[in-house]
Amino acid sequence: MMVRIQVNQESCIGSGQCEMLEEETFVLDDDTGISQVVGTGLLPADRAEKVIDMCPGRAISLTET
């Protein structure tokens, strides 16, 4: 099952874990150091759960699809 993810930019601490785990879905902005979702933001549910769990700022969450 595919799910859509989002980044709460106010909670993001810019650690880069998300980009390291899913480099085609996340990118850290060079100017702000804050993560952004690129493309559709769709990931398989198991991969989305992993990246959500690995985010130290707890800035990544599921959104309505």
Protein backbone atom coordinates (compact mmCIF):
# COMPACT_ATOMS: atom_id res chain seq x y z
CA MET A 1 0.00 0.00 0.00
CA MET A 2 1.28 3.47 -0.88
CA VAL A 3 0.99 6.37 1.56
CA ARG A 4 1.75 10.08 1.25
CA ILE A 5 4.13 11.75 3.67
CA GLN A 6 4.74 15.35 4.65
CA VAL A 7 7.34 17.34 6.58
CA ASN A 8 6.42 19.80 9.31
CA GLN A 9 9.05 22.42 8.53
CA GLU A 10 8.68 24.03 11.97
CA SER A 11 9.66 20.74 13.66
CA CYS A 12 12.43 19.74 11.24
CA ILE A 13 15.92 20.00 12.76
CA GLY A 14 17.73 19.27 9.49
CA SER A 15 19.51 16.07 10.54
CA GLY A 16 19.21 14.59 7.04
CA GLN A 17 18.08 11.13 8.16
CA CYS A 18 15.11 11.29 5.79
CA GLU A 19 17.24 12.23 2.81
CA MET A 20 19.72 9.49 3.65
CA LEU A 21 16.94 6.87 3.86
CA GLU A 22 14.81 8.08 0.92
CA GLU A 23 16.96 10.28 -1.29
CA GLU A 24 14.38 10.38 -4.08
CA THR A 25 11.64 11.60 -1.72
CA PHE A 26 13.41 14.14 0.52
CA VAL A 27 15.91 16.92 0.03
CA LEU A 28 17.47 19.28 2.54
CA ASP A 29 17.20 22.89 1.39
CA ASP A 30 20.72 24.30 1.04
CA ASP A 31 19.69 27.72 2.39
CA THR A 32 17.45 26.76 5.30
CA GLY A 33 18.73 23.28 6.18
CA ILE A 34 15.12 22.13 6.40
CA SER A 35 13.83 18.99 4.70
CA GLN A 36 11.29 19.10 1.92
CA VAL A 37 9.32 16.40 0.15
CA VAL A 38 10.04 16.24 -3.56
CA GLY A 39 7.84 14.63 -6.17
CA THR A 40 4.60 13.00 -5.14
CA GLY A 41 5.60 12.19 -1.56
CA LEU A 42 4.30 8.66 -2.03
CA LEU A 43 6.13 5.76 -0.40
CA PRO A 44 5.28 2.15 0.37
CA ALA A 45 3.78 2.05 3.87
CA ASP A 46 6.67 0.06 5.38
CA ARG A 47 9.30 2.51 4.08
CA ALA A 48 7.22 5.50 5.21
CA GLU A 49 6.95 4.03 8.70
CA LYS A 50 10.72 3.57 8.86
CA VAL A 51 11.53 7.14 7.80
CA ILE A 52 8.92 8.51 10.24
CA ASP A 53 10.44 6.47 13.08
CA MET A 54 14.00 7.57 12.21
CA CYS A 55 13.26 11.31 12.17
CA PRO A 56 14.83 12.80 15.35
CA GLY A 57 12.67 15.94 15.14
CA ARG A 58 9.47 13.92 14.67
CA ALA A 59 8.75 16.22 11.72
CA ILE A 60 7.56 13.58 9.24
CA SER A 61 4.01 12.28 9.22
CA LEU A 62 1.43 10.66 6.99
CA THR A 63 -1.07 12.82 5.18
CA GLU A 64 -4.36 12.02 3.50
CA THR A 65 -3.99 10.27 0.14
